[in-house]
Amino acid sequence: MDEWKLPNPFIKLKKFKLEEKPPSFLNDKQIDILLDDINPTPLDIDVSRVVKICLSTGSRVMEAVNLNVTQLSKYKITFTNTKGKRNRTVPISKDLYNEIHSDTAGQLFSCTYTDIRNRIRSSIDELPKGQATHILRHTFASHFMMNGGNILVLQQILGHTNIKQTMTYSHFAPSHLNDAILLNPIEMNKKNGG
């Protein structure tokens, strides 16, 4: 081994993660607590709206906080200046659209990232370290998959360029492995009368 004179060919290889923890997410009760913990002040109302956007679209907190009126169209939000440097448009419910729609030009919300983080920390006990705001994105993605969402659709909604990022949530799909039973050629042949 002492005779090797060339540069190390493995120097640029990325380290392989051996143990990856599944993402933490809020359960239904925690979501209710977070959304019910509102004072009738303009700031708290804005904080609540940003939380709803994150839980409804999987957006990052800063993407929602920085929303401008021009990014909102009928039942859709277009996120710009994203981490992935690509715009993405996500549909929203009529109720959410009506709640956040504004005829005033400019930024939609007066709250900050810190306001959102503080609301989450004060409302939810036992948050994973360093995930106070990102837990909203994990909650959207986890519930999307648990409710039968498609992993490729989730990839588009979250704006992931690599499906590996999105696969973190695949184990939440209730029947993704059962498709092996239902969709294999033998079972399909039986189903089709063969």
C-alpha atoms as a PDB file:
ATOM      1  CA  MET A   1       0.000   0.000   0.000  1.00  0.00           C
ATOM      2  CA  ASP A   2       2.870   2.398   0.602  1.00  0.00           C
ATOM      3  CA  GLU A   3       3.821   2.256  -3.080  1.00  0.00           C
ATOM      4  CA  TRP A   4       0.690   3.976  -4.468  1.00  0.00           C
ATOM      5  CA  LYS A   5       1.827   7.287  -5.966  1.00  0.00           C
ATOM      6  CA  LEU A   6      -1.307   8.513  -7.761  1.00  0.00           C
ATOM      7  CA  PRO A   7      -4.054  10.676  -6.245  1.00  0.00           C
ATOM      8  CA  ASN A   8      -6.739   8.882  -4.277  1.00  0.00           C
ATOM      9  CA  PRO A   9      -9.506   8.001  -6.808  1.00  0.00           C
ATOM     10  CA  PHE A  10     -12.120   7.851  -4.036  1.00  0.00           C
ATOM     11  CA  ILE A  11     -11.520  11.330  -2.635  1.00  0.00           C
ATOM     12  CA  LYS A  12     -14.566  12.844  -4.370  1.00  0.00           C
ATOM     13  CA  LEU A  13     -17.025  10.089  -3.470  1.00  0.00           C
ATOM     14  CA  LYS A  14     -19.861  11.167  -1.223  1.00  0.00           C
ATOM     15  CA  LYS A  15     -20.144   9.416   2.097  1.00  0.00           C
ATOM     16  CA  PHE A  16     -22.980   6.914   2.229  1.00  0.00           C
ATOM     17  CA  LYS A  17     -25.556   7.504   4.949  1.00  0.00           C
ATOM     18  CA  LEU A  18     -26.028   4.274   6.844  1.00  0.00           C
ATOM     19  CA  GLU A  19     -28.924   5.218   9.062  1.00  0.00           C
ATOM     20  CA  GLU A  20     -31.531   7.683   7.950  1.00  0.00           C
ATOM     21  CA  LYS A  21     -34.307   8.582  10.332  1.00  0.00           C
ATOM     22  CA  PRO A  22     -37.781   8.854   8.857  1.00  0.00           C
ATOM     23  CA  PRO A  23     -39.053  12.437   8.797  1.00  0.00           C
ATOM     24  CA  SER A  24     -41.077  13.580  11.778  1.00  0.00           C
ATOM     25  CA  PHE A  25     -44.548  14.910  11.108  1.00  0.00           C
ATOM     26  CA  LEU A  26     -47.549  16.234  12.990  1.00  0.00           C
ATOM     27  CA  ASN A  27     -50.544  14.030  13.666  1.00  0.00           C
ATOM     28  CA  ASP A  28     -54.137  15.229  13.210  1.00  0.00           C
ATOM     29  CA  LYS A  29     -54.475  16.306  16.839  1.00  0.00           C
ATOM     30  CA  GLN A  30     -51.264  18.358  16.677  1.00  0.00           C
ATOM     31  CA  ILE A  31     -52.413  19.999  13.441  1.00  0.00           C
ATOM     32  CA  ASP A  32     -55.692  20.976  15.123  1.00  0.00           C
ATOM     33  CA  ILE A  33     -53.811  22.403  18.112  1.00  0.00           C
ATOM     34  CA  LEU A  34     -51.534  24.400  15.830  1.00  0.00           C
ATOM     35  CA  LEU A  35     -54.420  25.826  13.804  1.00  0.00           C
ATOM     36  CA  ASP A  36     -56.646  26.521  16.823  1.00  0.00           C
ATOM     37  CA  ASP A  37     -53.946  28.397  18.754  1.00  0.00           C
ATOM     38  CA  ILE A  38     -54.770  31.789  17.212  1.00  0.00           C
ATOM     39  CA  ASN A  39     -55.274  35.204  18.747  1.00  0.00           C
ATOM     40  CA  PRO A  40     -57.429  37.581  16.689  1.00  0.00           C
ATOM     41  CA  THR A  41     -54.493  39.882  15.911  1.00  0.00           C
ATOM     42  CA  PRO A  42     -53.445  40.624  12.312  1.00  0.00           C
ATOM     43  CA  LEU A  43     -50.038  39.028  12.950  1.00  0.00           C
ATOM     44  CA  ASP A  44     -51.533  35.816  14.359  1.00  0.00           C
ATOM     45  CA  ILE A  45     -54.013  35.612  11.506  1.00  0.00           C
ATOM     46  CA  ASP A  46     -51.128  35.905   9.015  1.00  0.00           C
ATOM     47  CA  VAL A  47     -49.154  33.245  10.901  1.00  0.00           C
ATOM     48  CA  SER A  48     -52.158  30.927  10.743  1.00  0.00           C
ATOM     49  CA  ARG A  49     -52.542  31.523   7.011  1.00  0.00           C
ATOM     50  CA  VAL A  50     -48.878  30.754   6.340  1.00  0.00           C
ATOM     51  CA  VAL A  51     -49.160  27.542   8.379  1.00  0.00           C
ATOM     52  CA  LYS A  52     -52.244  26.544   6.351  1.00  0.00           C
ATOM     53  CA  ILE A  53     -50.404  27.220   3.086  1.00  0.00           C
ATOM     54  CA  CYS A  54     -47.469  25.052   4.184  1.00  0.00           C
ATOM     55  CA  LEU A  55     -49.750  22.232   5.313  1.00  0.00           C
ATOM     56  CA  SER A  56     -51.815  22.476   2.104  1.00  0.00           C
ATOM     57  CA  THR A  57     -48.999  22.747  -0.435  1.00  0.00           C
ATOM     58  CA  GLY A  58     -45.838  21.347   1.126  1.00  0.00           C
ATOM     59  CA  SER A  59     -44.115  24.687   0.671  1.00  0.00           C
ATOM     60  CA  ARG A  60     -41.173  25.726   2.766  1.00  0.00           C
ATOM     61  CA  VAL A  61     -42.001  28.366   5.371  1.00  0.00           C
ATOM     62  CA  MET A  62     -39.924  31.061   3.657  1.00  0.00           C
ATOM     63  CA  GLU A  63     -41.641  30.360   0.329  1.00  0.00           C
ATOM     64  CA  ALA A  64     -45.021  30.972   1.984  1.00  0.00           C
ATOM     65  CA  VAL A  65     -43.951  33.934   4.130  1.00  0.00           C
ATOM     66  CA  ASN A  66     -42.566  35.731   1.070  1.00  0.00           C
ATOM     67  CA  LEU A  67     -45.628  35.198  -1.131  1.00  0.00           C
ATOM     68  CA  ASN A  68     -46.637  38.163  -3.228  1.00  0.00           C
ATOM     69  CA  VAL A  69     -50.147  38.835  -4.532  1.00  0.00           C
ATOM     70  CA  THR A  70     -48.892  38.191  -8.078  1.00  0.00           C
ATOM     71  CA  GLN A  71     -48.037  34.580  -7.132  1.00  0.00           C
ATOM     72  CA  LEU A  72     -51.652  33.815  -6.278  1.00  0.00           C
ATOM     73  CA  SER A  73     -54.099  33.002  -9.047  1.00  0.00           C
ATOM     74  CA  LYS A  74     -57.509  31.411  -8.808  1.00  0.00           C
ATOM     75  CA  TYR A  75     -57.054  28.261  -6.709  1.00  0.00           C
ATOM     76  CA  LYS A  76     -53.279  28.104  -7.354  1.00  0.00           C
ATOM     77  CA  ILE A  77     -50.070  29.375  -5.815  1.00  0.00           C
ATOM     78  CA  THR A  78     -46.888  29.713  -7.848  1.00  0.00           C
ATOM     79  CA  PHE A  79     -43.799  29.493  -5.690  1.00  0.00           C
ATOM     80  CA  THR A  80     -40.820  31.436  -7.019  1.00  0.00           C
ATOM     81  CA  ASN A  81     -37.316  31.900  -5.633  1.00  0.00           C
ATOM     82  CA  THR A  82     -37.386  28.308  -4.436  1.00  0.00           C
ATOM     83  CA  LYS A  83     -34.490  26.313  -3.048  1.00  0.00           C
ATOM     84  CA  GLY A  84     -34.432  24.256  -6.257  1.00  0.00           C
ATOM     85  CA  LYS A  85     -34.340  27.458  -8.338  1.00  0.00           C
ATOM     86  CA  ARG A  86     -37.417  26.357 -10.310  1.00  0.00           C
ATOM     87  CA  ASN A  87     -40.893  27.817 -10.069  1.00  0.00           C
ATOM     88  CA  ARG A  88     -43.660  25.414  -9.179  1.00  0.00           C
ATOM     89  CA  THR A  89     -47.416  25.880  -9.177  1.00  0.00           C
ATOM     90  CA  VAL A  90     -49.539  24.011  -6.652  1.00  0.00           C
ATOM     91  CA  PRO A  91     -53.348  23.945  -6.555  1.00  0.00           C
ATOM     92  CA  ILE A  92     -55.115  25.069  -3.388  1.00  0.00           C
ATOM     93  CA  SER A  93     -58.668  24.692  -2.125  1.00  0.00           C
ATOM     94  CA  LYS A  94     -61.315  27.301  -2.784  1.00  0.00           C
ATOM     95  CA  ASP A  95     -61.542  27.945   0.977  1.00  0.00           C
ATOM     96  CA  LEU A  96     -57.815  28.613   1.308  1.00  0.00           C
ATOM     97  CA  TYR A  97     -57.822  30.809  -1.788  1.00  0.00           C
ATOM     98  CA  ASN A  98     -60.706  32.891  -0.394  1.00  0.00           C
ATOM     99  CA  GLU A  99     -58.939  33.211   2.953  1.00  0.00           C
ATOM    100  CA  ILE A 100     -55.617  34.461   1.573  1.00  0.00           C
ATOM    101  CA  HIS A 101     -56.752  36.335  -1.557  1.00  0.00           C
ATOM    102  CA  SER A 102     -56.078  40.060  -1.406  1.00  0.00           C
ATOM    103  CA  ASP A 103     -56.796  42.945  -3.743  1.00  0.00           C
ATOM    104  CA  THR A 104     -53.879  44.854  -2.261  1.00  0.00           C
ATOM    105  CA  ALA A 105     -50.619  44.773  -4.217  1.00  0.00           C
ATOM    106  CA  GLY A 106     -47.391  43.507  -2.700  1.00  0.00           C
ATOM    107  CA  GLN A 107     -46.543  40.928  -0.099  1.00  0.00           C
ATOM    108  CA  LEU A 108     -49.472  38.892   1.241  1.00  0.00           C
ATOM    109  CA  PHE A 109     -48.274  38.492   4.824  1.00  0.00           C
ATOM    110  CA  SER A 110     -46.685  40.659   7.496  1.00  0.00           C
ATOM    111  CA  CYS A 111     -45.277  37.771   9.537  1.00  0.00           C
ATOM    112  CA  THR A 112     -41.715  36.447   9.509  1.00  0.00           C
ATOM    113  CA  TYR A 113     -40.013  33.066   9.599  1.00  0.00           C
ATOM    114  CA  THR A 114     -39.366  33.631  13.310  1.00  0.00           C
ATOM    115  CA  ASP A 115     -43.073  34.283  13.965  1.00  0.00           C
ATOM    116  CA  ILE A 116     -43.939  30.941  12.358  1.00  0.00           C
ATOM    117  CA  ARG A 117     -41.200  29.085  14.234  1.00  0.00           C
ATOM    118  CA  ASN A 118     -42.309  30.595  17.550  1.00  0.00           C
ATOM    119  CA  ARG A 119     -45.948  29.618  16.925  1.00  0.00           C
ATOM    120  CA  ILE A 120     -44.983  26.028  16.168  1.00  0.00           C
ATOM    121  CA  ARG A 121     -42.689  25.787  19.194  1.00  0.00           C
ATOM    122  CA  SER A 122     -45.293  27.250  21.548  1.00  0.00           C
ATOM    123  CA  SER A 123     -48.127  25.073  20.227  1.00  0.00           C
ATOM    124  CA  ILE A 124     -46.452  21.687  19.776  1.00  0.00           C
ATOM    125  CA  ASP A 125     -44.536  19.796  22.460  1.00  0.00           C
ATOM    126  CA  GLU A 126     -41.670  17.442  21.636  1.00  0.00           C
ATOM    127  CA  LEU A 127     -40.558  18.815  18.286  1.00  0.00           C
ATOM    128  CA  PRO A 128     -37.511  17.154  16.745  1.00  0.00           C
ATOM    129  CA  LYS A 129     -34.393  19.264  17.153  1.00  0.00           C
ATOM    130  CA  GLY A 130     -33.926  21.692  14.283  1.00  0.00           C
ATOM    131  CA  GLN A 131     -37.232  20.846  12.595  1.00  0.00           C
ATOM    132  CA  ALA A 132     -39.596  23.442  14.006  1.00  0.00           C
ATOM    133  CA  THR A 133     -40.623  24.886  10.658  1.00  0.00           C
ATOM    134  CA  HIS A 134     -39.658  22.089   8.262  1.00  0.00           C
ATOM    135  CA  ILE A 135     -42.038  19.799  10.109  1.00  0.00           C
ATOM    136  CA  LEU A 136     -44.888  21.481   8.210  1.00  0.00           C
ATOM    137  CA  ARG A 137     -43.418  20.321   4.881  1.00  0.00           C
ATOM    138  CA  HIS A 138     -42.826  16.818   6.277  1.00  0.00           C
ATOM    139  CA  THR A 139     -46.401  16.773   7.576  1.00  0.00           C
ATOM    140  CA  PHE A 140     -47.832  17.634   4.167  1.00  0.00           C
ATOM    141  CA  ALA A 141     -45.725  15.003   2.385  1.00  0.00           C
ATOM    142  CA  SER A 142     -46.341  12.271   4.960  1.00  0.00           C
ATOM    143  CA  HIS A 143     -50.111  12.787   5.042  1.00  0.00           C
ATOM    144  CA  PHE A 144     -50.201  13.045   1.229  1.00  0.00           C
ATOM    145  CA  MET A 145     -48.666   9.572   0.973  1.00  0.00           C
ATOM    146  CA  MET A 146     -50.678   8.073   3.861  1.00  0.00           C
ATOM    147  CA  ASN A 147     -53.848   9.227   2.109  1.00  0.00           C
ATOM    148  CA  GLY A 148     -52.915   7.408  -1.099  1.00  0.00           C
ATOM    149  CA  GLY A 149     -51.056  10.123  -3.007  1.00  0.00           C
ATOM    150  CA  ASN A 150     -48.749   9.291  -5.917  1.00  0.00           C
ATOM    151  CA  ILE A 151     -45.008   9.590  -5.224  1.00  0.00           C
ATOM    152  CA  LEU A 152     -44.340  11.187  -8.640  1.00  0.00           C
ATOM    153  CA  VAL A 153     -47.015  13.810  -8.047  1.00  0.00           C
ATOM    154  CA  LEU A 154     -45.499  14.480  -4.624  1.00  0.00           C
ATOM    155  CA  GLN A 155     -42.106  14.970  -6.259  1.00  0.00           C
ATOM    156  CA  GLN A 156     -43.583  17.671  -8.503  1.00  0.00           C
ATOM    157  CA  ILE A 157     -45.465  19.377  -5.680  1.00  0.00           C
ATOM    158  CA  LEU A 158     -42.366  19.516  -3.475  1.00  0.00           C
ATOM    159  CA  GLY A 159     -40.161  20.581  -6.372  1.00  0.00           C
ATOM    160  CA  HIS A 160     -37.631  17.799  -5.868  1.00  0.00           C
ATOM    161  CA  THR A 161     -35.290  17.396  -8.825  1.00  0.00           C
ATOM    162  CA  ASN A 162     -34.300  13.889  -7.746  1.00  0.00           C
ATOM    163  CA  ILE A 163     -36.875  11.207  -6.896  1.00  0.00           C
ATOM    164  CA  LYS A 164     -34.515   9.923  -4.169  1.00  0.00           C
ATOM    165  CA  GLN A 165     -35.406  12.979  -2.091  1.00  0.00           C
ATOM    166  CA  THR A 166     -39.100  12.185  -2.383  1.00  0.00           C
ATOM    167  CA  MET A 167     -38.670   8.456  -1.710  1.00  0.00           C
ATOM    168  CA  THR A 168     -38.144   9.392   1.944  1.00  0.00           C
ATOM    169  CA  TYR A 169     -41.933   9.474   2.155  1.00  0.00           C
ATOM    170  CA  SER A 170     -42.707   6.314   0.151  1.00  0.00           C
ATOM    171  CA  HIS A 171     -43.008   4.089   3.210  1.00  0.00           C
ATOM    172  CA  PHE A 172     -46.042   6.115   4.292  1.00  0.00           C
ATOM    173  CA  ALA A 173     -48.084   4.850   1.334  1.00  0.00           C
ATOM    174  CA  PRO A 174     -50.626   2.403   2.767  1.00  0.00           C
ATOM    175  CA  SER A 175     -50.661   0.043  -0.174  1.00  0.00           C
ATOM    176  CA  HIS A 176     -47.535   0.674  -2.196  1.00  0.00           C
ATOM    177  CA  LEU A 177     -46.236  -2.854  -1.568  1.00  0.00           C
ATOM    178  CA  ASN A 178     -49.645  -4.457  -2.028  1.00  0.00           C
ATOM    179  CA  ASP A 179     -49.527  -3.346  -5.654  1.00  0.00           C
ATOM    180  CA  ALA A 180     -47.034  -6.181  -6.158  1.00  0.00           C
ATOM    181  CA  ILE A 181     -49.879  -8.602  -5.422  1.00  0.00           C
ATOM    182  CA  LEU A 182     -52.592  -6.777  -7.329  1.00  0.00           C
ATOM    183  CA  LEU A 183     -50.647  -5.724 -10.409  1.00  0.00           C
ATOM    184  CA  ASN A 184     -48.468  -8.720 -11.181  1.00  0.00           C
ATOM    185  CA  PRO A 185     -49.159 -10.468 -14.520  1.00  0.00           C
ATOM    186  CA  ILE A 186     -50.591 -13.644 -12.972  1.00  0.00           C
ATOM    187  CA  GLU A 187     -53.189 -11.790 -10.894  1.00  0.00           C
ATOM    188  CA  MET A 188     -54.021  -9.443 -13.765  1.00  0.00           C
ATOM    189  CA  ASN A 189     -54.508 -12.448 -16.057  1.00  0.00           C
ATOM    190  CA  LYS A 190     -56.906 -14.033 -13.518  1.00  0.00           C
ATOM    191  CA  LYS A 191     -58.764 -10.760 -13.193  1.00  0.00           C
ATOM    192  CA  ASN A 192     -59.132 -10.482 -16.958  1.00  0.00           C
ATOM    193  CA  GLY A 193     -60.543 -14.019 -17.251  1.00  0.00           C
ATOM    194  CA  GLY A 194     -57.347 -15.758 -18.350  1.00  0.00           C
END
